[in-house]
Amino acid sequence: MHTVRFADAAHLPKTSDAGRLQPQRR
């Protein structure tokens, strides 16, 4: 779960935005 968030963050410029747009990105 956390690993996925980090991976997404790397692809996205802002982790905050990513979390807000896709809070449940499994």
PDB file of N, CA and C in Angstrom:
ATOM      1  N   MET A   1       0.839  -1.203   0.000  1.00  0.00           N
ATOM      2  CA  MET A   1       0.000   0.000   0.000  1.00  0.00           C
ATOM      3  C   MET A   1       0.875   1.255   0.000  1.00  0.00           C
ATOM      4  N   HIS A   2       1.779   1.328   0.967  1.00  0.00           N
ATOM      5  CA  HIS A   2       2.672   2.508   1.026  1.00  0.00           C
ATOM      6  C   HIS A   2       3.594   2.538  -0.196  1.00  0.00           C
ATOM      7  N   THR A   3       4.053   1.364  -0.587  1.00  0.00           N
ATOM      8  CA  THR A   3       4.958   1.301  -1.745  1.00  0.00           C
ATOM      9  C   THR A   3       4.262   1.880  -2.973  1.00  0.00           C
ATOM     10  N   VAL A   4       2.987   1.554  -3.139  1.00  0.00           N
ATOM     11  CA  VAL A   4       2.236   2.050  -4.297  1.00  0.00           C
ATOM     12  C   VAL A   4       2.216   3.575  -4.263  1.00  0.00           C
ATOM     13  N   ARG A   5       1.983   4.131  -3.069  1.00  0.00           N
ATOM     14  CA  ARG A   5       1.911   5.601  -2.940  1.00  0.00           C
ATOM     15  C   ARG A   5       3.242   6.203  -3.390  1.00  0.00           C
ATOM     16  N   PHE A   6       4.337   5.620  -2.942  1.00  0.00           N
ATOM     17  CA  PHE A   6       5.663   6.161  -3.305  1.00  0.00           C
ATOM     18  C   PHE A   6       5.849   6.069  -4.819  1.00  0.00           C
ATOM     19  N   ALA A   7       5.460   4.952  -5.376  1.00  0.00           N
ATOM     20  CA  ALA A   7       5.614   4.764  -6.829  1.00  0.00           C
ATOM     21  C   ALA A   7       4.808   5.831  -7.562  1.00  0.00           C
ATOM     22  N   ASP A   8       3.574   6.032  -7.133  1.00  0.00           N
ATOM     23  CA  ASP A   8       2.730   7.059  -7.776  1.00  0.00           C
ATOM     24  C   ASP A   8       3.380   8.426  -7.636  1.00  0.00           C
ATOM     25  N   ALA A   9       3.878   8.711  -6.449  1.00  0.00           N
ATOM     26  CA  ALA A   9       4.507  10.013  -6.189  1.00  0.00           C
ATOM     27  C   ALA A   9       5.642  10.233  -7.189  1.00  0.00           C
ATOM     28  N   ALA A  10       6.412   9.202  -7.432  1.00  0.00           N
ATOM     29  CA  ALA A  10       7.546   9.338  -8.359  1.00  0.00           C
ATOM     30  C   ALA A  10       7.029   9.725  -9.746  1.00  0.00           C
ATOM     31  N   HIS A  11       5.921   9.123 -10.155  1.00  0.00           N
ATOM     32  CA  HIS A  11       5.372   9.433 -11.486  1.00  0.00           C
ATOM     33  C   HIS A  11       4.720  10.814 -11.487  1.00  0.00           C
ATOM     34  N   LEU A  12       4.006  11.107 -10.411  1.00  0.00           N
ATOM     35  CA  LEU A  12       3.309  12.404 -10.350  1.00  0.00           C
ATOM     36  C   LEU A  12       4.221  13.473  -9.751  1.00  0.00           C
ATOM     37  N   PRO A  13       4.035  14.708 -10.160  1.00  0.00           N
ATOM     38  CA  PRO A  13       4.866  15.813  -9.671  1.00  0.00           C
ATOM     39  C   PRO A  13       4.551  16.156  -8.224  1.00  0.00           C
ATOM     40  N   LYS A  14       3.296  15.935  -7.822  1.00  0.00           N
ATOM     41  CA  LYS A  14       2.928  16.279  -6.425  1.00  0.00           C
ATOM     42  C   LYS A  14       2.188  15.128  -5.769  1.00  0.00           C
ATOM     43  N   THR A  15       2.705  14.632  -4.676  1.00  0.00           N
ATOM     44  CA  THR A  15       2.058  13.514  -3.988  1.00  0.00           C
ATOM     45  C   THR A  15       0.707  13.968  -3.428  1.00  0.00           C
ATOM     46  N   SER A  16       0.657  15.171  -2.920  1.00  0.00           N
ATOM     47  CA  SER A  16      -0.593  15.692  -2.340  1.00  0.00           C
ATOM     48  C   SER A  16      -1.699  15.649  -3.397  1.00  0.00           C
ATOM     49  N   ASP A  17      -1.401  16.177  -4.577  1.00  0.00           N
ATOM     50  CA  ASP A  17      -2.400  16.189  -5.643  1.00  0.00           C
ATOM     51  C   ASP A  17      -2.824  14.767  -5.978  1.00  0.00           C
ATOM     52  N   ALA A  18      -1.853  13.898  -6.106  1.00  0.00           N
ATOM     53  CA  ALA A  18      -2.152  12.508  -6.464  1.00  0.00           C
ATOM     54  C   ALA A  18      -3.080  11.900  -5.416  1.00  0.00           C
ATOM     55  N   GLY A  19      -2.742  12.092  -4.148  1.00  0.00           N
ATOM     56  CA  GLY A  19      -3.568  11.528  -3.080  1.00  0.00           C
ATOM     57  C   GLY A  19      -4.983  12.084  -3.144  1.00  0.00           C
ATOM     58  N   ARG A  20      -5.079  13.373  -3.436  1.00  0.00           N
ATOM     59  CA  ARG A  20      -6.413  13.990  -3.467  1.00  0.00           C
ATOM     60  C   ARG A  20      -7.210  13.501  -4.672  1.00  0.00           C
ATOM     61  N   LEU A  21      -6.555  13.410  -5.824  1.00  0.00           N
ATOM     62  CA  LEU A  21      -7.263  12.962  -7.030  1.00  0.00           C
ATOM     63  C   LEU A  21      -7.576  11.467  -6.933  1.00  0.00           C
ATOM     64  N   GLN A  22      -6.593  10.694  -6.487  1.00  0.00           N
ATOM     65  CA  GLN A  22      -6.811   9.252  -6.361  1.00  0.00           C
ATOM     66  C   GLN A  22      -6.384   8.777  -4.971  1.00  0.00           C
ATOM     67  N   PRO A  23      -7.242   8.973  -3.981  1.00  0.00           N
ATOM     68  CA  PRO A  23      -6.917   8.578  -2.605  1.00  0.00           C
ATOM     69  C   PRO A  23      -6.789   7.061  -2.477  1.00  0.00           C
ATOM     70  N   GLN A  24      -7.522   6.331  -3.310  1.00  0.00           N
ATOM     71  CA  GLN A  24      -7.440   4.863  -3.221  1.00  0.00           C
ATOM     72  C   GLN A  24      -6.897   4.296  -4.519  1.00  0.00           C
ATOM     73  N   ARG A  25      -5.603   4.483  -4.738  1.00  0.00           N
ATOM     74  CA  ARG A  25      -4.997   3.966  -5.999  1.00  0.00           C
ATOM     75  C   ARG A  25      -4.231   2.685  -5.673  1.00  0.00           C
ATOM     76  N   ARG A  26      -4.900   1.509  -5.755  1.00  0.00           N
ATOM     77  CA  ARG A  26      -4.223   0.257  -5.383  1.00  0.00           C
ATOM     78  C   ARG A  26      -3.535  -0.301  -6.591  1.00  0.00           C
TER      79      ARG A  26
END
